[in-house]
């Protein structure tokens, strides 16, 4: 095993992914989102959608979290969850929102995968469906014993406006800087994940697991390649699995059909890094992670079945 070669290859792949795939897409998406916020369109959307989502255990700020995870990045709802806790949202509503966030597709993986043929419309539709299923399951089933007591809520979120002195240019510059932070912040995790994957692969670990599980997977008409991707996803997170997917697609191990069929199973925030990051939003958010994870599992199941059937 040539560990130096594995490290160099992983580092090069991580940098290429961050600079040439993740960064340009995140710059565009964040700029659009921030301009919509500054123009007041996001506030209007939240005001219109929030009443319809209230029966699902979601609040107006939950709608911001829904839009952020689907159109910005998996970490974007962190500030919203922290704001919800600080402003007195009940534990039950916090759990429902957290379950929704865990179950939905993360923009920092979904949009780069469009370059590999991922069907954006289908993924977004099933992402929202899965998030709503997760919220409902968390609110009415797994988190039903949590407190529903709320303070008087202020569900607005502070953001720039187009009336600010520097206007549009300032908003775009801020969005660009945020995109750079996201892209460059992804490099260490992706590189380490790719090194781990390379070491395990060269040591024969994946071949061993695949030899054991492959017969059952083939009976279920599931590509054994999903084993390595699943281990990477749930141990290292969505950005890491993005790097592995790009590498596997370039080498011809997987195709566009595989990426679309497995999107529900592989593209979401419910993994070890994702759970740890979201729990850092505050002590009450950390307290409700168990019912949120249980609800998210149902939402991911719905997404997985939907993607597999429609691909």
Protein backbone atom coordinates (compact mmCIF):
# COMPACT_ATOMS: atom_id res chain seq x y z
CA UNK A 1 0.00 0.00 0.00
CA UNK A 2 1.47 3.38 -1.04
CA UNK A 3 0.10 5.68 1.67
CA UNK A 4 1.85 8.78 0.28
CA UNK A 5 0.27 8.24 -3.13
CA UNK A 6 -3.14 7.82 -1.50
CA UNK A 7 -2.72 11.07 0.46
CA UNK A 8 -1.55 13.04 -2.58
CA UNK A 9 -4.39 11.73 -4.75
CA UNK A 10 -6.95 12.44 -2.02
CA UNK A 11 -5.63 15.98 -1.51
CA UNK A 12 -5.72 16.75 -5.22
CA UNK A 13 -9.27 15.40 -5.54
CA UNK A 14 -10.44 17.40 -2.50
CA UNK A 15 -8.98 20.66 -3.84
CA UNK A 16 -10.40 20.08 -7.33
CA UNK A 17 -13.82 19.32 -5.86
CA UNK A 18 -13.79 22.46 -3.69
CA UNK A 19 -12.47 24.86 -6.34
CA UNK A 20 -14.02 23.59 -9.56
CA UNK A 21 -17.31 22.00 -8.45
CA UNK A 22 -18.42 23.25 -5.04
CA UNK A 23 -17.23 26.88 -5.11
CA UNK A 24 -18.80 28.16 -8.38
CA UNK A 25 -22.17 26.56 -7.65
CA UNK A 26 -22.26 27.79 -4.05
CA UNK A 27 -21.33 31.35 -5.15
CA UNK A 28 -24.29 31.46 -7.52
CA UNK A 29 -26.78 29.82 -5.15
CA UNK A 30 -25.78 31.90 -2.12
CA UNK A 31 -25.87 35.11 -4.13
CA UNK A 32 -29.39 34.33 -5.34
CA UNK A 33 -30.55 33.42 -1.83
CA UNK A 34 -29.03 36.51 -0.22
CA UNK A 35 -30.49 38.80 -2.90
CA UNK A 36 -33.94 37.26 -2.37
CA UNK A 37 -33.53 37.88 1.37
CA UNK A 38 -32.42 41.47 0.83
CA UNK A 39 -35.35 42.14 -1.51
CA UNK A 40 -37.80 40.85 1.11
CA UNK A 41 -38.96 37.98 -1.10
CA UNK A 42 -37.81 35.35 1.41
CA UNK A 43 -39.82 37.02 4.18
CA UNK A 44 -42.87 37.00 1.90
CA UNK A 45 -42.39 33.30 1.09
CA UNK A 46 -42.06 32.40 4.77
CA UNK A 47 -45.18 34.39 5.66
CA UNK A 48 -47.18 32.55 3.00
CA UNK A 49 -45.87 29.05 3.70
CA UNK A 50 -45.62 29.04 7.49
CA UNK A 51 -49.39 28.75 8.24
CA UNK A 52 -49.68 25.69 5.98
CA UNK A 53 -46.76 23.97 7.70
CA UNK A 54 -47.86 24.69 11.26
CA UNK A 55 -49.89 21.42 11.48
CA UNK A 56 -46.67 19.54 10.69
CA UNK A 57 -45.10 20.92 13.86
CA UNK A 58 -43.14 23.63 12.07
CA UNK A 59 -42.92 27.38 12.69
CA UNK A 60 -42.05 30.37 10.55
CA UNK A 61 -38.38 30.01 11.42
CA UNK A 62 -38.62 26.32 10.47
CA UNK A 63 -39.42 27.47 6.93
CA UNK A 64 -36.13 29.40 6.88
CA UNK A 65 -34.34 26.20 7.94
CA UNK A 66 -36.11 24.27 5.15
CA UNK A 67 -35.02 26.78 2.52
CA UNK A 68 -31.49 27.05 3.90
CA UNK A 69 -30.69 23.34 3.87
CA UNK A 70 -32.16 22.88 0.38
CA UNK A 71 -30.64 25.98 -1.23
CA UNK A 72 -27.57 27.01 0.83
CA UNK A 73 -25.81 24.19 2.72
CA UNK A 74 -26.30 21.61 5.45
CA UNK A 75 -24.77 23.94 8.05
CA UNK A 76 -26.92 26.98 7.16
CA UNK A 77 -29.86 26.01 9.45
CA UNK A 78 -27.50 25.99 12.45
CA UNK A 79 -27.99 29.71 13.06
CA UNK A 80 -31.76 29.38 12.61
CA UNK A 81 -31.97 26.53 15.14
CA UNK A 82 -29.93 28.61 17.59
CA UNK A 83 -32.28 31.57 17.03
CA UNK A 84 -35.35 29.36 17.57
CA UNK A 85 -33.96 28.13 20.89
CA UNK A 86 -33.03 31.64 22.02
CA UNK A 87 -36.45 33.07 21.15
CA UNK A 88 -38.43 30.47 23.09
CA UNK A 89 -39.55 27.89 20.53
CA UNK A 90 -40.85 24.80 22.34
CA UNK A 91 -38.79 21.61 22.61
CA UNK A 92 -41.39 19.80 20.53
CA UNK A 93 -41.19 22.29 17.67
CA UNK A 94 -37.37 22.31 17.91
CA UNK A 95 -37.34 18.51 17.57
CA UNK A 96 -39.67 18.60 14.56
CA UNK A 97 -37.51 21.23 12.83
CA UNK A 98 -34.31 19.32 13.62
CA UNK A 99 -35.81 16.08 12.27
CA UNK A 100 -36.81 17.90 9.09
CA UNK A 101 -33.30 19.31 8.63
CA UNK A 102 -31.70 15.89 9.17
CA UNK A 103 -33.94 14.25 6.53
CA UNK A 104 -33.62 16.74 3.67
CA UNK A 105 -31.07 16.90 0.86
CA UNK A 106 -28.20 19.30 1.48
CA UNK A 107 -27.59 21.97 -1.16
CA UNK A 108 -23.79 21.76 -0.92
CA UNK A 109 -24.03 18.19 -2.27
CA UNK A 110 -27.16 18.36 -4.44
CA UNK A 111 -26.16 21.28 -6.66
CA UNK A 112 -22.60 20.08 -7.43
CA UNK A 113 -24.03 16.66 -8.35
CA UNK A 114 -26.13 18.32 -11.05
CA UNK A 115 -22.89 18.34 -13.05
CA UNK A 116 -22.97 14.52 -12.88
CA UNK A 117 -26.58 14.31 -14.05
CA UNK A 118 -28.54 14.48 -10.79
CA UNK A 119 -32.21 15.34 -11.42
CA UNK A 120 -32.60 18.55 -9.38
CA UNK A 121 -36.40 18.85 -9.55
CA UNK A 122 -36.99 15.29 -8.35
CA UNK A 123 -34.43 15.57 -5.57
CA UNK A 124 -35.87 18.85 -4.27
CA UNK A 125 -39.46 17.59 -4.37
CA UNK A 126 -38.59 14.38 -2.50
CA UNK A 127 -36.34 16.31 -0.13
CA UNK A 128 -39.22 18.54 0.96
CA UNK A 129 -41.57 15.54 1.17
CA UNK A 130 -39.08 13.62 3.28
CA UNK A 131 -38.52 16.63 5.51
CA UNK A 132 -42.24 17.05 6.12
CA UNK A 133 -42.64 13.33 6.89
CA UNK A 134 -39.76 13.61 9.35
CA UNK A 135 -41.26 16.69 11.02
CA UNK A 136 -44.70 15.11 11.36
CA UNK A 137 -43.28 11.82 12.69
CA UNK A 138 -41.11 13.68 15.20
CA UNK A 139 -43.84 16.07 16.37
CA UNK A 140 -46.71 13.59 16.66
CA UNK A 141 -44.90 10.32 17.39
CA UNK A 142 -41.32 10.34 18.62
CA UNK A 143 -41.42 13.76 20.28
CA UNK A 144 -45.00 13.79 21.49
CA UNK A 145 -43.91 13.80 25.16
CA UNK A 146 -41.70 16.86 24.75
CA UNK A 147 -42.85 20.23 26.05
CA UNK A 148 -45.05 22.32 23.73
CA UNK A 149 -44.79 25.48 25.81
CA UNK A 150 -43.54 28.48 23.86
CA UNK A 151 -42.59 32.04 24.65
CA UNK A 152 -44.02 34.89 22.54
CA UNK A 153 -42.15 34.26 19.31
CA UNK A 154 -40.40 36.74 17.05
CA UNK A 155 -40.04 34.73 13.85
CA UNK A 156 -38.22 37.32 11.77
CA UNK A 157 -34.57 36.90 10.79
CA UNK A 158 -32.22 39.87 10.50
CA UNK A 159 -30.54 40.27 7.11
CA UNK A 160 -29.23 42.92 4.74
CA UNK A 161 -31.58 44.95 2.54
CA UNK A 162 -31.13 46.45 -0.91
CA UNK A 163 -31.53 49.86 0.71
CA UNK A 164 -28.20 49.45 2.48
CA UNK A 165 -25.51 51.93 1.30
CA UNK A 166 -23.63 49.40 -0.83
CA UNK A 167 -26.77 47.55 -1.93
CA UNK A 168 -26.53 44.67 -4.38
CA UNK A 169 -22.73 44.62 -4.60
CA UNK A 170 -22.35 44.28 -0.82
CA UNK A 171 -24.87 41.43 -0.73
CA UNK A 172 -23.09 39.56 -3.55
CA UNK A 173 -19.66 40.10 -2.00
CA UNK A 174 -20.89 38.79 1.33
CA UNK A 175 -22.44 35.76 -0.36
CA UNK A 176 -19.22 35.12 -2.28
CA UNK A 177 -17.15 35.25 0.90
CA UNK A 178 -19.58 32.84 2.56
CA UNK A 179 -19.31 30.46 -0.42
CA UNK A 180 -15.50 30.56 -0.22
CA UNK A 181 -15.65 29.66 3.49
CA UNK A 182 -17.96 26.72 2.77
CA UNK A 183 -15.86 25.44 -0.13
CA UNK A 184 -12.48 25.74 1.56
CA UNK A 185 -13.88 24.46 4.84
CA UNK A 186 -14.88 21.28 3.04
CA UNK A 187 -11.33 20.44 1.90
CA UNK A 188 -9.99 18.91 5.16
CA UNK A 189 -13.00 16.62 5.70
CA UNK A 190 -13.10 15.53 2.06
CA UNK A 191 -9.35 14.89 1.94
CA UNK A 192 -9.36 12.87 5.17
CA UNK A 193 -12.41 10.89 4.05
CA UNK A 194 -10.81 10.11 0.68
CA UNK A 195 -7.60 9.01 2.43
CA UNK A 196 -9.62 6.73 4.74
CA UNK A 197 -11.53 5.32 1.78
CA UNK A 198 -8.29 4.77 -0.15
CA UNK A 199 -6.58 3.00 2.75
CA UNK A 200 -9.58 0.75 3.46
CA UNK A 201 -9.96 -0.01 -0.24
CA UNK A 202 -6.28 -0.88 -0.75
CA UNK A 203 -6.29 -2.98 2.42
CA UNK A 204 -9.18 -5.02 1.01
CA UNK A 205 -11.75 -3.86 3.55
CA UNK A 206 -14.42 -2.88 1.07
CA UNK A 207 -13.85 -6.00 -1.01
CA UNK A 208 -14.38 -8.13 2.09
CA UNK A 209 -17.60 -6.36 3.07
CA UNK A 210 -18.87 -6.45 -0.50
CA UNK A 211 -18.13 -10.18 -0.81
CA UNK A 212 -20.27 -10.79 2.26
CA UNK A 213 -23.11 -8.43 1.42
CA UNK A 214 -23.10 -8.50 -2.40
CA UNK A 215 -25.28 -11.63 -2.87
CA UNK A 216 -28.08 -10.20 -0.74
CA UNK A 217 -27.77 -6.79 -2.39
CA UNK A 218 -27.91 -8.26 -5.88
CA UNK A 219 -31.05 -10.23 -4.94
CA UNK A 220 -32.57 -6.87 -4.00
CA UNK A 221 -31.26 -5.36 -7.27
CA UNK A 222 -28.94 -2.98 -5.35
CA UNK A 223 -25.48 -2.09 -6.69
CA UNK A 224 -22.79 -3.27 -4.18
CA UNK A 225 -21.00 0.06 -4.77
CA UNK A 226 -23.47 1.51 -2.30
CA UNK A 227 -21.58 -0.19 0.56
CA UNK A 228 -18.47 1.99 0.34
CA UNK A 229 -20.56 5.10 -0.22
CA UNK A 230 -22.77 4.32 2.77
CA UNK A 231 -19.80 3.84 5.10
CA UNK A 232 -18.26 7.08 3.86
CA UNK A 233 -21.52 8.99 4.16
CA UNK A 234 -22.50 7.99 7.66
CA UNK A 235 -19.00 8.24 9.13
CA UNK A 236 -17.61 11.30 7.33
CA UNK A 237 -20.63 13.25 6.07
CA UNK A 238 -22.23 14.50 2.88
CA UNK A 239 -19.34 16.54 1.52
CA UNK A 240 -17.06 13.53 1.90
CA UNK A 241 -19.43 11.26 0.00
CA UNK A 242 -19.65 13.93 -2.71
CA UNK A 243 -15.91 13.58 -3.24
CA UNK A 244 -16.18 9.80 -3.45
CA UNK A 245 -19.12 9.99 -5.88
CA UNK A 246 -17.17 12.33 -8.17
CA UNK A 247 -14.15 10.02 -8.12
CA UNK A 248 -16.25 6.90 -8.78
CA UNK A 249 -18.13 8.57 -11.63
CA UNK A 250 -14.87 9.72 -13.27
CA UNK A 251 -13.45 6.19 -13.05
CA UNK A 252 -16.60 4.65 -14.53
CA UNK A 253 -17.57 2.70 -11.38
CA UNK A 254 -20.99 4.36 -11.21
CA UNK A 255 -23.22 6.19 -13.69
CA UNK A 256 -25.91 8.87 -13.64
CA UNK A 257 -28.66 6.32 -13.03
CA UNK A 258 -26.90 5.11 -9.88
CA UNK A 259 -26.44 8.67 -8.58
CA UNK A 260 -30.14 9.44 -9.01
CA UNK A 261 -31.35 6.12 -7.58
CA UNK A 262 -29.17 6.43 -4.45
CA UNK A 263 -29.72 10.16 -3.83
CA UNK A 264 -32.38 9.64 -1.15
CA UNK A 265 -30.12 7.29 0.81
CA UNK A 266 -26.88 9.24 0.48
CA UNK A 267 -27.79 12.95 0.32
CA UNK A 268 -29.05 14.27 3.65
CA UNK A 269 -27.69 15.63 6.94
CA UNK A 270 -28.21 12.55 9.12
CA UNK A 271 -24.62 11.39 9.66
CA UNK A 272 -22.14 11.61 12.51
CA UNK A 273 -20.69 15.04 11.57
CA UNK A 274 -24.15 16.42 10.76
CA UNK A 275 -25.66 15.37 14.09
CA UNK A 276 -22.67 16.71 16.01
CA UNK A 277 -22.80 20.07 14.21
CA UNK A 278 -26.55 20.55 14.69
CA UNK A 279 -26.34 19.65 18.38
CA UNK A 280 -23.94 22.55 18.81
CA UNK A 281 -26.80 25.00 18.10
CA UNK A 282 -27.75 25.01 21.79
CA UNK A 283 -28.47 22.84 24.84
CA UNK A 284 -32.19 22.42 24.09
CA UNK A 285 -31.46 21.48 20.48
CA UNK A 286 -28.92 18.93 21.73
CA UNK A 287 -31.50 17.53 24.14
CA UNK A 288 -34.02 16.64 21.39
CA UNK A 289 -31.65 14.91 18.95
CA UNK A 290 -32.97 11.38 19.63
CA UNK A 291 -36.61 11.93 18.58
CA UNK A 292 -35.35 14.09 15.70
CA UNK A 293 -33.11 11.29 14.42
CA UNK A 294 -35.95 8.76 14.70
CA UNK A 295 -38.28 11.02 12.72
CA UNK A 296 -35.57 11.77 10.17
CA UNK A 297 -35.06 8.04 9.59
CA UNK A 298 -38.66 7.77 8.38
CA UNK A 299 -38.23 10.81 6.15
CA UNK A 300 -35.07 9.35 4.63
CA UNK A 301 -36.87 6.04 4.05
CA UNK A 302 -39.56 7.88 2.08
CA UNK A 303 -36.90 9.70 0.05
CA UNK A 304 -34.93 6.51 -0.58
CA UNK A 305 -37.95 4.59 -1.85
CA UNK A 306 -39.09 7.57 -3.94
CA UNK A 307 -35.72 8.08 -5.62
CA UNK A 308 -35.33 4.37 -6.33
CA UNK A 309 -38.81 4.06 -7.86
CA UNK A 310 -38.60 7.22 -9.96
CA UNK A 311 -35.05 6.76 -11.26
